[in-house]
């Protein structure tokens, strides 16, 4: 599996969505997410998401693997990657899993310690 790492992405992600089968393989993803990742939609279909994330977005592996192993239906986790903050959401229903990844503002205490200019430059 050849995967391009997405470290250092500086553009804002407004809710990239991905559908997985019950085993965690990618079934489909929306166009906005594919564009943000820099992949063709069909190129990731069938890949196990944890293996893909390990190669493309290592900071996503730990929260994602934990959320996929959990039996809760609705889950959410925030984490930092490089200069950005993300919210990862997982919803499980029947034989499918929906994953949503969005750029988010840092926690309030971090906003108070940095200037809005720095945050804006990191996401332009």
PDB file of N, CA and C in Angstrom:
ATOM      1  N   UNK A   1       0.848  -1.170   0.000  1.00  0.00           N
ATOM      2  CA  UNK A   1       0.000   0.000   0.000  1.00  0.00           C
ATOM      3  C   UNK A   1       0.892   1.232   0.000  1.00  0.00           C
ATOM      4  N   UNK A   2       0.788   2.053  -1.030  1.00  0.00           N
ATOM      5  CA  UNK A   2       1.544   3.300  -1.108  1.00  0.00           C
ATOM      6  C   UNK A   2       0.648   4.437  -0.650  1.00  0.00           C
ATOM      7  N   UNK A   3       1.073   5.124   0.401  1.00  0.00           N
ATOM      8  CA  UNK A   3       0.276   6.191   0.985  1.00  0.00           C
ATOM      9  C   UNK A   3       1.148   7.414   1.165  1.00  0.00           C
ATOM     10  N   UNK A   4       0.628   8.570   0.802  1.00  0.00           N
ATOM     11  CA  UNK A   4       1.355   9.819   0.976  1.00  0.00           C
ATOM     12  C   UNK A   4       1.042  10.402   2.345  1.00  0.00           C
ATOM     13  N   UNK A   5       2.046  10.647   3.176  1.00  0.00           N
ATOM     14  CA  UNK A   5       1.786  11.265   4.475  1.00  0.00           C
ATOM     15  C   UNK A   5       1.170  12.645   4.304  1.00  0.00           C
ATOM     16  N   UNK A   6       0.303  13.019   5.236  1.00  0.00           N
ATOM     17  CA  UNK A   6      -0.338  14.325   5.146  1.00  0.00           C
ATOM     18  C   UNK A   6       0.145  15.260   6.239  1.00  0.00           C
ATOM     19  N   UNK A   7       1.310  14.967   6.821  1.00  0.00           N
ATOM     20  CA  UNK A   7       1.871  15.838   7.858  1.00  0.00           C
ATOM     21  C   UNK A   7       1.987  17.259   7.353  1.00  0.00           C
ATOM     22  N   UNK A   8       1.744  18.188   8.246  1.00  0.00           N
ATOM     23  CA  UNK A   8       1.957  19.585   7.921  1.00  0.00           C
ATOM     24  C   UNK A   8       0.860  20.225   7.086  1.00  0.00           C
ATOM     25  N   UNK A   9      -0.254  19.553   6.889  1.00  0.00           N
ATOM     26  CA  UNK A   9      -1.350  20.166   6.139  1.00  0.00           C
ATOM     27  C   UNK A   9      -1.773  21.423   6.871  1.00  0.00           C
ATOM     28  N   UNK A  10      -1.912  22.508   6.148  1.00  0.00           N
ATOM     29  CA  UNK A  10      -2.238  23.764   6.811  1.00  0.00           C
ATOM     30  C   UNK A  10      -3.634  24.263   6.468  1.00  0.00           C
ATOM     31  N   UNK A  11      -4.338  23.593   5.558  1.00  0.00           N
ATOM     32  CA  UNK A  11      -5.668  24.073   5.224  1.00  0.00           C
ATOM     33  C   UNK A  11      -6.709  23.493   6.181  1.00  0.00           C
ATOM     34  N   UNK A  12      -7.793  24.206   6.312  1.00  0.00           N
ATOM     35  CA  UNK A  12      -8.864  23.877   7.242  1.00  0.00           C
ATOM     36  C   UNK A  12      -9.726  22.768   6.659  1.00  0.00           C
ATOM     37  N   UNK A  13     -10.066  21.771   7.465  1.00  0.00           N
ATOM     38  CA  UNK A  13     -10.931  20.678   7.032  1.00  0.00           C
ATOM     39  C   UNK A  13     -12.290  20.851   7.685  1.00  0.00           C
ATOM     40  N   UNK A  14     -13.301  21.082   6.888  1.00  0.00           N
ATOM     41  CA  UNK A  14     -14.659  21.280   7.409  1.00  0.00           C
ATOM     42  C   UNK A  14     -15.463  19.989   7.309  1.00  0.00           C
ATOM     43  N   UNK A  15     -15.114  19.042   8.125  1.00  0.00           N
ATOM     44  CA  UNK A  15     -15.901  17.822   8.231  1.00  0.00           C
ATOM     45  C   UNK A  15     -15.731  16.836   7.106  1.00  0.00           C
ATOM     46  N   UNK A  16     -14.563  16.229   7.007  1.00  0.00           N
ATOM     47  CA  UNK A  16     -14.357  15.154   6.052  1.00  0.00           C
ATOM     48  C   UNK A  16     -15.013  13.893   6.572  1.00  0.00           C
ATOM     49  N   UNK A  17     -15.789  13.214   5.719  1.00  0.00           N
ATOM     50  CA  UNK A  17     -16.518  12.019   6.153  1.00  0.00           C
ATOM     51  C   UNK A  17     -16.060  10.794   5.382  1.00  0.00           C
ATOM     52  N   UNK A  18     -16.060   9.673   6.106  1.00  0.00           N
ATOM     53  CA  UNK A  18     -15.630   8.409   5.553  1.00  0.00           C
ATOM     54  C   UNK A  18     -16.557   7.323   6.094  1.00  0.00           C
ATOM     55  N   UNK A  19     -16.904   6.357   5.255  1.00  0.00           N
ATOM     56  CA  UNK A  19     -17.712   5.217   5.686  1.00  0.00           C
ATOM     57  C   UNK A  19     -16.816   3.987   5.684  1.00  0.00           C
ATOM     58  N   UNK A  20     -16.901   3.216   6.772  1.00  0.00           N
ATOM     59  CA  UNK A  20     -16.126   1.989   6.915  1.00  0.00           C
ATOM     60  C   UNK A  20     -17.078   0.805   7.019  1.00  0.00           C
ATOM     61  N   UNK A  21     -16.585  -0.375   6.656  1.00  0.00           N
ATOM     62  CA  UNK A  21     -17.379  -1.575   6.919  1.00  0.00           C
ATOM     63  C   UNK A  21     -17.137  -1.984   8.371  1.00  0.00           C
ATOM     64  N   UNK A  22     -17.775  -3.048   8.825  1.00  0.00           N
ATOM     65  CA  UNK A  22     -17.672  -3.439  10.229  1.00  0.00           C
ATOM     66  C   UNK A  22     -16.264  -3.883  10.618  1.00  0.00           C
ATOM     67  N   UNK A  23     -15.427  -4.242   9.634  1.00  0.00           N
ATOM     68  CA  UNK A  23     -14.044  -4.645   9.912  1.00  0.00           C
ATOM     69  C   UNK A  23     -13.081  -3.459   9.908  1.00  0.00           C
ATOM     70  N   UNK A  24     -13.573  -2.259   9.573  1.00  0.00           N
ATOM     71  CA  UNK A  24     -12.725  -1.073   9.576  1.00  0.00           C
ATOM     72  C   UNK A  24     -12.078  -0.768   8.237  1.00  0.00           C
ATOM     73  N   UNK A  25     -12.555  -1.400   7.161  1.00  0.00           N
ATOM     74  CA  UNK A  25     -12.032  -1.090   5.823  1.00  0.00           C
ATOM     75  C   UNK A  25     -12.818   0.077   5.238  1.00  0.00           C
ATOM     76  N   UNK A  26     -12.143   0.929   4.492  1.00  0.00           N
ATOM     77  CA  UNK A  26     -12.774   2.110   3.902  1.00  0.00           C
ATOM     78  C   UNK A  26     -13.705   1.679   2.768  1.00  0.00           C
ATOM     79  N   UNK A  27     -14.974   2.105   2.871  1.00  0.00           N
ATOM     80  CA  UNK A  27     -15.980   1.825   1.840  1.00  0.00           C
ATOM     81  C   UNK A  27     -16.091   3.021   0.897  1.00  0.00           C
ATOM     82  N   UNK A  28     -16.081   4.225   1.456  1.00  0.00           N
ATOM     83  CA  UNK A  28     -16.187   5.445   0.645  1.00  0.00           C
ATOM     84  C   UNK A  28     -15.804   6.646   1.497  1.00  0.00           C
ATOM     85  N   UNK A  29     -15.497   7.746   0.843  1.00  0.00           N
ATOM     86  CA  UNK A  29     -15.259   9.003   1.529  1.00  0.00           C
ATOM     87  C   UNK A  29     -15.779  10.125   0.651  1.00  0.00           C
ATOM     88  N   UNK A  30     -16.116  11.252   1.290  1.00  0.00           N
ATOM     89  CA  UNK A  30     -16.667  12.350   0.495  1.00  0.00           C
ATOM     90  C   UNK A  30     -15.566  13.079  -0.267  1.00  0.00           C
ATOM     91  N   UNK A  31     -15.991  13.820  -1.285  1.00  0.00           N
ATOM     92  CA  UNK A  31     -15.050  14.513  -2.151  1.00  0.00           C
ATOM     93  C   UNK A  31     -14.174  15.515  -1.432  1.00  0.00           C
ATOM     94  N   UNK A  32     -14.761  16.249  -0.467  1.00  0.00           N
ATOM     95  CA  UNK A  32     -13.986  17.253   0.270  1.00  0.00           C
ATOM     96  C   UNK A  32     -12.867  16.594   1.078  1.00  0.00           C
ATOM     97  N   UNK A  33     -13.167  15.460   1.674  1.00  0.00           N
ATOM     98  CA  UNK A  33     -12.155  14.748   2.458  1.00  0.00           C
ATOM     99  C   UNK A  33     -11.060  14.222   1.536  1.00  0.00           C
ATOM    100  N   UNK A  34     -11.442  13.640   0.409  1.00  0.00           N
ATOM    101  CA  UNK A  34     -10.462  13.129  -0.551  1.00  0.00           C
ATOM    102  C   UNK A  34      -9.548  14.251  -1.036  1.00  0.00           C
ATOM    103  N   UNK A  35     -10.136  15.406  -1.321  1.00  0.00           N
ATOM    104  CA  UNK A  35      -9.342  16.549  -1.779  1.00  0.00           C
ATOM    105  C   UNK A  35      -8.369  16.998  -0.702  1.00  0.00           C
ATOM    106  N   UNK A  36      -8.832  17.099   0.542  1.00  0.00           N
ATOM    107  CA  UNK A  36      -7.980  17.523   1.653  1.00  0.00           C
ATOM    108  C   UNK A  36      -6.829  16.529   1.854  1.00  0.00           C
ATOM    109  N   UNK A  37      -7.141  15.237   1.690  1.00  0.00           N
ATOM    110  CA  UNK A  37      -6.119  14.207   1.843  1.00  0.00           C
ATOM    111  C   UNK A  37      -5.173  14.146   0.648  1.00  0.00           C
ATOM    112  N   UNK A  38      -5.608  14.695  -0.482  1.00  0.00           N
ATOM    113  CA  UNK A  38      -4.799  14.648  -1.685  1.00  0.00           C
ATOM    114  C   UNK A  38      -4.830  13.286  -2.360  1.00  0.00           C
ATOM    115  N   UNK A  39      -5.991  12.604  -2.278  1.00  0.00           N
ATOM    116  CA  UNK A  39      -6.132  11.272  -2.880  1.00  0.00           C
ATOM    117  C   UNK A  39      -7.349  11.237  -3.790  1.00  0.00           C
ATOM    118  N   UNK A  40      -7.353  10.282  -4.711  1.00  0.00           N
ATOM    119  CA  UNK A  40      -8.550   9.987  -5.489  1.00  0.00           C
ATOM    120  C   UNK A  40      -9.457   9.146  -4.598  1.00  0.00           C
ATOM    121  N   UNK A  41     -10.751   9.400  -4.654  1.00  0.00           N
ATOM    122  CA  UNK A  41     -11.679   8.680  -3.787  1.00  0.00           C
ATOM    123  C   UNK A  41     -11.492   7.171  -3.876  1.00  0.00           C
ATOM    124  N   UNK A  42     -11.396   6.641  -5.076  1.00  0.00           N
ATOM    125  CA  UNK A  42     -11.285   5.196  -5.249  1.00  0.00           C
ATOM    126  C   UNK A  42      -9.969   4.597  -4.791  1.00  0.00           C
ATOM    127  N   UNK A  43      -8.939   5.423  -4.637  1.00  0.00           N
ATOM    128  CA  UNK A  43      -7.613   4.890  -4.304  1.00  0.00           C
ATOM    129  C   UNK A  43      -7.503   4.375  -2.872  1.00  0.00           C
ATOM    130  N   UNK A  44      -8.403   4.781  -1.988  1.00  0.00           N
ATOM    131  CA  UNK A  44      -8.334   4.323  -0.602  1.00  0.00           C
ATOM    132  C   UNK A  44      -9.417   3.302  -0.264  1.00  0.00           C
ATOM    133  N   UNK A  45     -10.366   3.100  -1.180  1.00  0.00           N
ATOM    134  CA  UNK A  45     -11.448   2.140  -0.934  1.00  0.00           C
ATOM    135  C   UNK A  45     -10.856   0.747  -0.750  1.00  0.00           C
ATOM    136  N   UNK A  46     -11.299   0.087   0.314  1.00  0.00           N
ATOM    137  CA  UNK A  46     -10.833  -1.265   0.626  1.00  0.00           C
ATOM    138  C   UNK A  46      -9.659  -1.310   1.576  1.00  0.00           C
ATOM    139  N   UNK A  47      -8.982  -0.175   1.776  1.00  0.00           N
ATOM    140  CA  UNK A  47      -7.846  -0.156   2.700  1.00  0.00           C
ATOM    141  C   UNK A  47      -8.340  -0.190   4.144  1.00  0.00           C
ATOM    142  N   UNK A  48      -7.664  -0.938   5.011  1.00  0.00           N
ATOM    143  CA  UNK A  48      -7.999  -0.875   6.444  1.00  0.00           C
ATOM    144  C   UNK A  48      -7.644   0.514   6.959  1.00  0.00           C
ATOM    145  N   UNK A  49      -8.577   1.173   7.607  1.00  0.00           N
ATOM    146  CA  UNK A  49      -8.362   2.572   7.981  1.00  0.00           C
ATOM    147  C   UNK A  49      -7.197   2.744   8.948  1.00  0.00           C
ATOM    148  N   UNK A  50      -7.000   1.830   9.877  1.00  0.00           N
ATOM    149  CA  UNK A  50      -5.900   1.995  10.836  1.00  0.00           C
ATOM    150  C   UNK A  50      -4.552   1.869  10.121  1.00  0.00           C
ATOM    151  N   UNK A  51      -4.438   0.928   9.194  1.00  0.00           N
ATOM    152  CA  UNK A  51      -3.189   0.791   8.433  1.00  0.00           C
ATOM    153  C   UNK A  51      -2.961   2.024   7.568  1.00  0.00           C
ATOM    154  N   UNK A  52      -4.014   2.530   6.942  1.00  0.00           N
ATOM    155  CA  UNK A  52      -3.902   3.749   6.135  1.00  0.00           C
ATOM    156  C   UNK A  52      -3.453   4.912   7.018  1.00  0.00           C
ATOM    157  N   UNK A  53      -4.113   5.070   8.173  1.00  0.00           N
ATOM    158  CA  UNK A  53      -3.789   6.187   9.069  1.00  0.00           C
ATOM    159  C   UNK A  53      -2.353   6.085   9.582  1.00  0.00           C
ATOM    160  N   UNK A  54      -1.893   4.887   9.853  1.00  0.00           N
ATOM    161  CA  UNK A  54      -0.521   4.700  10.349  1.00  0.00           C
ATOM    162  C   UNK A  54       0.490   5.275   9.351  1.00  0.00           C
ATOM    163  N   UNK A  55       0.208   5.127   8.060  1.00  0.00           N
ATOM    164  CA  UNK A  55       1.118   5.624   7.032  1.00  0.00           C
ATOM    165  C   UNK A  55       0.872   7.091   6.692  1.00  0.00           C
ATOM    166  N   UNK A  56      -0.390   7.518   6.684  1.00  0.00           N
ATOM    167  CA  UNK A  56      -0.725   8.855   6.195  1.00  0.00           C
ATOM    168  C   UNK A  56      -0.875   9.898   7.290  1.00  0.00           C
ATOM    169  N   UNK A  57      -1.333   9.513   8.466  1.00  0.00           N
ATOM    170  CA  UNK A  57      -1.698  10.470   9.499  1.00  0.00           C
ATOM    171  C   UNK A  57      -1.491   9.809  10.863  1.00  0.00           C
ATOM    172  N   UNK A  58      -0.224   9.578  11.277  1.00  0.00           N
ATOM    173  CA  UNK A  58       0.072   8.803  12.479  1.00  0.00           C
ATOM    174  C   UNK A  58      -0.626   9.290  13.750  1.00  0.00           C
ATOM    175  N   UNK A  59      -0.858  10.593  13.858  1.00  0.00           N
ATOM    176  CA  UNK A  59      -1.511  11.122  15.060  1.00  0.00           C
ATOM    177  C   UNK A  59      -2.953  10.645  15.181  1.00  0.00           C
ATOM    178  N   UNK A  60      -3.516  10.170  14.104  1.00  0.00           N
ATOM    179  CA  UNK A  60      -4.896   9.696  14.092  1.00  0.00           C
ATOM    180  C   UNK A  60      -5.024   8.255  14.586  1.00  0.00           C
ATOM    181  N   UNK A  61      -3.941   7.484  14.533  1.00  0.00           N
ATOM    182  CA  UNK A  61      -4.004   6.048  14.813  1.00  0.00           C
ATOM    183  C   UNK A  61      -4.515   5.747  16.213  1.00  0.00           C
ATOM    184  N   UNK A  62      -3.902   6.325  17.229  1.00  0.00           N
ATOM    185  CA  UNK A  62      -4.277   5.984  18.602  1.00  0.00           C
ATOM    186  C   UNK A  62      -5.741   6.320  18.910  1.00  0.00           C
ATOM    187  N   UNK A  63      -6.191   7.569  18.652  1.00  0.00           N
ATOM    188  CA  UNK A  63      -7.600   7.835  18.957  1.00  0.00           C
ATOM    189  C   UNK A  63      -8.552   7.000  18.102  1.00  0.00           C
ATOM    190  N   UNK A  64      -8.225   6.811  16.838  1.00  0.00           N
ATOM    191  CA  UNK A  64      -9.104   6.059  15.948  1.00  0.00           C
ATOM    192  C   UNK A  64      -9.197   4.597  16.356  1.00  0.00           C
ATOM    193  N   UNK A  65      -8.051   3.960  16.597  1.00  0.00           N
ATOM    194  CA  UNK A  65      -8.052   2.548  16.991  1.00  0.00           C
ATOM    195  C   UNK A  65      -8.838   2.343  18.285  1.00  0.00           C
ATOM    196  N   UNK A  66      -8.656   3.241  19.240  1.00  0.00           N
ATOM    197  CA  UNK A  66      -9.400   3.142  20.497  1.00  0.00           C
ATOM    198  C   UNK A  66     -10.893   3.297  20.288  1.00  0.00           C
ATOM    199  N   UNK A  67     -11.282   4.220  19.429  1.00  0.00           N
ATOM    200  CA  UNK A  67     -12.698   4.453  19.179  1.00  0.00           C
ATOM    201  C   UNK A  67     -13.322   3.286  18.411  1.00  0.00           C
ATOM    202  N   UNK A  68     -12.583   2.698  17.481  1.00  0.00           N
ATOM    203  CA  UNK A  68     -13.114   1.551  16.741  1.00  0.00           C
ATOM    204  C   UNK A  68     -13.277   0.331  17.644  1.00  0.00           C
ATOM    205  N   UNK A  69     -12.401   0.185  18.634  1.00  0.00           N
ATOM    206  CA  UNK A  69     -12.480  -0.949  19.554  1.00  0.00           C
ATOM    207  C   UNK A  69     -13.594  -0.781  20.591  1.00  0.00           C
ATOM    208  N   UNK A  70     -14.010   0.435  20.841  1.00  0.00           N
ATOM    209  CA  UNK A  70     -15.038   0.734  21.836  1.00  0.00           C
ATOM    210  C   UNK A  70     -16.418   0.355  21.296  1.00  0.00           C
ATOM    211  N   UNK A  71     -17.297  -0.105  22.163  1.00  0.00           N
ATOM    212  CA  UNK A  71     -18.628  -0.524  21.729  1.00  0.00           C
ATOM    213  C   UNK A  71     -19.656   0.611  21.722  1.00  0.00           C
ATOM    214  N   UNK A  72     -19.289   1.787  22.200  1.00  0.00           N
ATOM    215  CA  UNK A  72     -20.231   2.905  22.219  1.00  0.00           C
ATOM    216  C   UNK A  72     -20.628   3.298  20.796  1.00  0.00           C
ATOM    217  N   UNK A  73     -21.869   3.710  20.631  1.00  0.00           N
ATOM    218  CA  UNK A  73     -22.381   4.082  19.315  1.00  0.00           C
ATOM    219  C   UNK A  73     -21.823   5.416  18.852  1.00  0.00           C
ATOM    220  N   UNK A  74     -21.824   6.427  19.725  1.00  0.00           N
ATOM    221  CA  UNK A  74     -21.376   7.783  19.376  1.00  0.00           C
ATOM    222  C   UNK A  74     -20.131   8.113  20.182  1.00  0.00           C
ATOM    223  N   UNK A  75     -19.066   8.530  19.477  1.00  0.00           N
ATOM    224  CA  UNK A  75     -17.816   8.865  20.154  1.00  0.00           C
ATOM    225  C   UNK A  75     -17.188  10.106  19.522  1.00  0.00           C
ATOM    226  N   UNK A  76     -16.435  10.838  20.331  1.00  0.00           N
ATOM    227  CA  UNK A  76     -15.775  12.040  19.856  1.00  0.00           C
ATOM    228  C   UNK A  76     -14.465  12.218  20.608  1.00  0.00           C
ATOM    229  N   UNK A  77     -13.428  12.710  19.910  1.00  0.00           N
ATOM    230  CA  UNK A  77     -12.123  12.901  20.519  1.00  0.00           C
ATOM    231  C   UNK A  77     -11.427  14.074  19.834  1.00  0.00           C
ATOM    232  N   UNK A  78     -10.829  14.968  20.614  1.00  0.00           N
ATOM    233  CA  UNK A  78     -10.038  16.076  20.060  1.00  0.00           C
ATOM    234  C   UNK A  78      -8.567  15.794  20.281  1.00  0.00           C
ATOM    235  N   UNK A  79      -7.753  16.170  19.288  1.00  0.00           N
ATOM    236  CA  UNK A  79      -6.315  15.975  19.407  1.00  0.00           C
ATOM    237  C   UNK A  79      -5.592  16.989  18.538  1.00  0.00           C
ATOM    238  N   UNK A  80      -4.304  17.199  18.864  1.00  0.00           N
ATOM    239  CA  UNK A  80      -3.475  18.134  18.108  1.00  0.00           C
ATOM    240  C   UNK A  80      -2.589  17.352  17.156  1.00  0.00           C
ATOM    241  N   UNK A  81      -2.361  17.948  15.987  1.00  0.00           N
ATOM    242  CA  UNK A  81      -1.454  17.381  14.984  1.00  0.00           C
ATOM    243  C   UNK A  81      -0.702  18.555  14.384  1.00  0.00           C
ATOM    244  N   UNK A  82       0.601  18.583  14.590  1.00  0.00           N
ATOM    245  CA  UNK A  82       1.384  19.705  14.062  1.00  0.00           C
ATOM    246  C   UNK A  82       0.890  21.013  14.655  1.00  0.00           C
ATOM    247  N   UNK A  83       0.492  21.939  13.787  1.00  0.00           N
ATOM    248  CA  UNK A  83       0.001  23.234  14.264  1.00  0.00           C
ATOM    249  C   UNK A  83      -1.519  23.278  14.331  1.00  0.00           C
ATOM    250  N   UNK A  84      -2.191  22.165  14.046  1.00  0.00           N
ATOM    251  CA  UNK A  84      -3.645  22.172  14.019  1.00  0.00           C
ATOM    252  C   UNK A  84      -4.284  21.274  15.060  1.00  0.00           C
ATOM    253  N   UNK A  85      -5.538  21.556  15.330  1.00  0.00           N
ATOM    254  CA  UNK A  85      -6.358  20.741  16.222  1.00  0.00           C
ATOM    255  C   UNK A  85      -7.466  20.122  15.398  1.00  0.00           C
ATOM    256  N   UNK A  86      -7.829  18.887  15.758  1.00  0.00           N
ATOM    257  CA  UNK A  86      -8.854  18.154  15.038  1.00  0.00           C
ATOM    258  C   UNK A  86      -9.842  17.530  16.008  1.00  0.00           C
ATOM    259  N   UNK A  87     -11.061  17.326  15.508  1.00  0.00           N
ATOM    260  CA  UNK A  87     -12.046  16.547  16.241  1.00  0.00           C
ATOM    261  C   UNK A  87     -12.381  15.340  15.384  1.00  0.00           C
ATOM    262  N   UNK A  88     -12.256  14.174  15.978  1.00  0.00           N
ATOM    263  CA  UNK A  88     -12.562  12.909  15.325  1.00  0.00           C
ATOM    264  C   UNK A  88     -13.865  12.383  15.922  1.00  0.00           C
ATOM    265  N   UNK A  89     -14.812  12.083  15.061  1.00  0.00           N
ATOM    266  CA  UNK A  89     -16.088  11.537  15.501  1.00  0.00           C
ATOM    267  C   UNK A  89     -16.304  10.190  14.831  1.00  0.00           C
ATOM    268  N   UNK A  90     -16.802   9.225  15.601  1.00  0.00           N
ATOM    269  CA  UNK A  90     -17.107   7.896  15.086  1.00  0.00           C
ATOM    270  C   UNK A  90     -18.530   7.551  15.502  1.00  0.00           C
ATOM    271  N   UNK A  91     -19.321   7.088  14.534  1.00  0.00           N
ATOM    272  CA  UNK A  91     -20.691   6.636  14.790  1.00  0.00           C
ATOM    273  C   UNK A  91     -20.803   5.235  14.215  1.00  0.00           C
ATOM    274  N   UNK A  92     -21.257   4.304  15.055  1.00  0.00           N
ATOM    275  CA  UNK A  92     -21.416   2.916  14.627  1.00  0.00           C
ATOM    276  C   UNK A  92     -22.898   2.572  14.568  1.00  0.00           C
ATOM    277  N   UNK A  93     -23.280   1.883  13.479  1.00  0.00           N
ATOM    278  CA  UNK A  93     -24.666   1.450  13.355  1.00  0.00           C
ATOM    279  C   UNK A  93     -24.722   0.219  12.462  1.00  0.00           C
ATOM    280  N   UNK A  94     -25.333  -0.817  12.954  1.00  0.00           N
ATOM    281  CA  UNK A  94     -25.442  -2.038  12.164  1.00  0.00           C
ATOM    282  C   UNK A  94     -24.073  -2.524  11.731  1.00  0.00           C
ATOM    283  N   UNK A  95     -23.904  -2.732  10.430  1.00  0.00           N
ATOM    284  CA  UNK A  95     -22.642  -3.236   9.908  1.00  0.00           C
ATOM    285  C   UNK A  95     -21.709  -2.161   9.406  1.00  0.00           C
ATOM    286  N   UNK A  96     -22.020  -0.887   9.699  1.00  0.00           N
ATOM    287  CA  UNK A  96     -21.194   0.191   9.178  1.00  0.00           C
ATOM    288  C   UNK A  96     -20.720   1.154  10.245  1.00  0.00           C
ATOM    289  N   UNK A  97     -19.710   1.907   9.883  1.00  0.00           N
ATOM    290  CA  UNK A  97     -19.111   2.900  10.778  1.00  0.00           C
ATOM    291  C   UNK A  97     -18.907   4.173   9.974  1.00  0.00           C
ATOM    292  N   UNK A  98     -19.330   5.296  10.536  1.00  0.00           N
ATOM    293  CA  UNK A  98     -19.103   6.595   9.907  1.00  0.00           C
ATOM    294  C   UNK A  98     -18.036   7.326  10.708  1.00  0.00           C
ATOM    295  N   UNK A  99     -17.026   7.830  10.011  1.00  0.00           N
ATOM    296  CA  UNK A  99     -15.932   8.579  10.635  1.00  0.00           C
ATOM    297  C   UNK A  99     -15.973   9.991  10.075  1.00  0.00           C
ATOM    298  N   UNK A 100     -15.863  10.966  10.957  1.00  0.00           N
ATOM    299  CA  UNK A 100     -15.843  12.371  10.538  1.00  0.00           C
ATOM    300  C   UNK A 100     -14.655  13.044  11.200  1.00  0.00           C
ATOM    301  N   UNK A 101     -13.849  13.736  10.410  1.00  0.00           N
ATOM    302  CA  UNK A 101     -12.686  14.454  10.916  1.00  0.00           C
ATOM    303  C   UNK A 101     -12.820  15.915  10.528  1.00  0.00           C
ATOM    304  N   UNK A 102     -12.677  16.806  11.513  1.00  0.00           N
ATOM    305  CA  UNK A 102     -12.824  18.242  11.270  1.00  0.00           C
ATOM    306  C   UNK A 102     -11.711  19.014  11.942  1.00  0.00           C
ATOM    307  N   UNK A 103     -11.293  20.090  11.313  1.00  0.00           N
ATOM    308  CA  UNK A 103     -10.411  21.044  11.974  1.00  0.00           C
ATOM    309  C   UNK A 103     -11.237  21.784  13.019  1.00  0.00           C
ATOM    310  N   UNK A 104     -10.635  22.052  14.163  1.00  0.00           N
ATOM    311  CA  UNK A 104     -11.300  22.798  15.230  1.00  0.00           C
ATOM    312  C   UNK A 104     -10.311  23.791  15.834  1.00  0.00           C
ATOM    313  N   UNK A 105     -10.850  24.769  16.524  1.00  0.00           N
ATOM    314  CA  UNK A 105      -9.988  25.704  17.247  1.00  0.00           C
ATOM    315  C   UNK A 105      -9.381  24.995  18.452  1.00  0.00           C
ATOM    316  N   UNK A 106      -8.213  25.410  18.875  1.00  0.00           N
ATOM    317  CA  UNK A 106      -7.598  24.810  20.064  1.00  0.00           C
ATOM    318  C   UNK A 106      -8.451  25.073  21.307  1.00  0.00           C
ATOM    319  N   UNK A 107      -8.174  24.348  22.388  1.00  0.00           N
ATOM    320  CA  UNK A 107      -8.868  24.618  23.645  1.00  0.00           C
ATOM    321  C   UNK A 107      -8.676  26.071  24.071  1.00  0.00           C
ATOM    322  N   UNK A 108      -9.596  26.557  24.838  1.00  0.00           N
ATOM    323  CA  UNK A 108      -9.592  27.972  25.238  1.00  0.00           C
ATOM    324  C   UNK A 108      -8.278  28.409  25.869  1.00  0.00           C
ATOM    325  N   UNK A 109      -7.729  27.572  26.748  1.00  0.00           N
ATOM    326  CA  UNK A 109      -6.475  27.967  27.410  1.00  0.00           C
ATOM    327  C   UNK A 109      -5.339  28.127  26.406  1.00  0.00           C
ATOM    328  N   UNK A 110      -5.348  27.374  25.322  1.00  0.00           N
ATOM    329  CA  UNK A 110      -4.322  27.534  24.294  1.00  0.00           C
ATOM    330  C   UNK A 110      -4.568  28.781  23.456  1.00  0.00           C
ATOM    331  N   UNK A 111      -5.812  29.119  23.233  1.00  0.00           N
ATOM    332  CA  UNK A 111      -6.130  30.340  22.500  1.00  0.00           C
ATOM    333  C   UNK A 111      -5.653  31.570  23.257  1.00  0.00           C
ATOM    334  N   UNK A 112      -5.788  31.529  24.570  1.00  0.00           N
ATOM    335  CA  UNK A 112      -5.377  32.655  25.389  1.00  0.00           C
ATOM    336  C   UNK A 112      -3.867  32.840  25.376  1.00  0.00           C
ATOM    337  N   UNK A 113      -3.114  31.745  25.147  1.00  0.00           N
ATOM    338  CA  UNK A 113      -1.659  31.809  25.166  1.00  0.00           C
ATOM    339  C   UNK A 113      -1.053  32.163  23.815  1.00  0.00           C
ATOM    340  N   UNK A 114      -1.841  32.062  22.739  1.00  0.00           N
ATOM    341  CA  UNK A 114      -1.306  32.373  21.420  1.00  0.00           C
ATOM    342  C   UNK A 114      -2.119  33.499  20.797  1.00  0.00           C
ATOM    343  N   UNK A 115      -1.567  34.080  19.779  1.00  0.00           N
ATOM    344  CA  UNK A 115      -2.296  35.168  19.129  1.00  0.00           C
ATOM    345  C   UNK A 115      -3.189  34.613  18.030  1.00  0.00           C
ATOM    346  N   UNK A 116      -4.270  35.298  17.727  1.00  0.00           N
ATOM    347  CA  UNK A 116      -5.166  34.890  16.645  1.00  0.00           C
ATOM    348  C   UNK A 116      -4.444  34.898  15.313  1.00  0.00           C
ATOM    349  N   UNK A 117      -3.451  35.780  15.159  1.00  0.00           N
ATOM    350  CA  UNK A 117      -2.694  35.812  13.905  1.00  0.00           C
ATOM    351  C   UNK A 117      -1.966  34.494  13.659  1.00  0.00           C
ATOM    352  N   UNK A 118      -1.360  33.932  14.722  1.00  0.00           N
ATOM    353  CA  UNK A 118      -0.653  32.652  14.580  1.00  0.00           C
ATOM    354  C   UNK A 118      -1.612  31.554  14.183  1.00  0.00           C
ATOM    355  N   UNK A 119      -2.762  31.500  14.804  1.00  0.00           N
ATOM    356  CA  UNK A 119      -3.755  30.469  14.488  1.00  0.00           C
ATOM    357  C   UNK A 119      -4.266  30.649  13.076  1.00  0.00           C
ATOM    358  N   UNK A 120      -4.537  31.860  12.667  1.00  0.00           N
ATOM    359  CA  UNK A 120      -5.003  32.118  11.311  1.00  0.00           C
ATOM    360  C   UNK A 120      -3.990  31.739  10.266  1.00  0.00           C
ATOM    361  N   UNK A 121      -2.718  32.057  10.505  1.00  0.00           N
ATOM    362  CA  UNK A 121      -1.669  31.698   9.543  1.00  0.00           C
ATOM    363  C   UNK A 121      -1.519  30.198   9.415  1.00  0.00           C
ATOM    364  N   UNK A 122      -1.742  29.453  10.491  1.00  0.00           N
ATOM    365  CA  UNK A 122      -1.587  28.016  10.465  1.00  0.00           C
ATOM    366  C   UNK A 122      -2.669  27.343   9.640  1.00  0.00           C
ATOM    367  N   UNK A 123      -3.786  28.038   9.387  1.00  0.00           N
ATOM    368  CA  UNK A 123      -4.915  27.419   8.690  1.00  0.00           C
ATOM    369  C   UNK A 123      -5.307  28.162   7.415  1.00  0.00           C
ATOM    370  N   UNK A 124      -4.379  28.884   6.823  1.00  0.00           N
ATOM    371  CA  UNK A 124      -4.683  29.593   5.570  1.00  0.00           C
ATOM    372  C   UNK A 124      -4.138  28.814   4.404  1.00  0.00           C
TER     373      UNK A 124
END
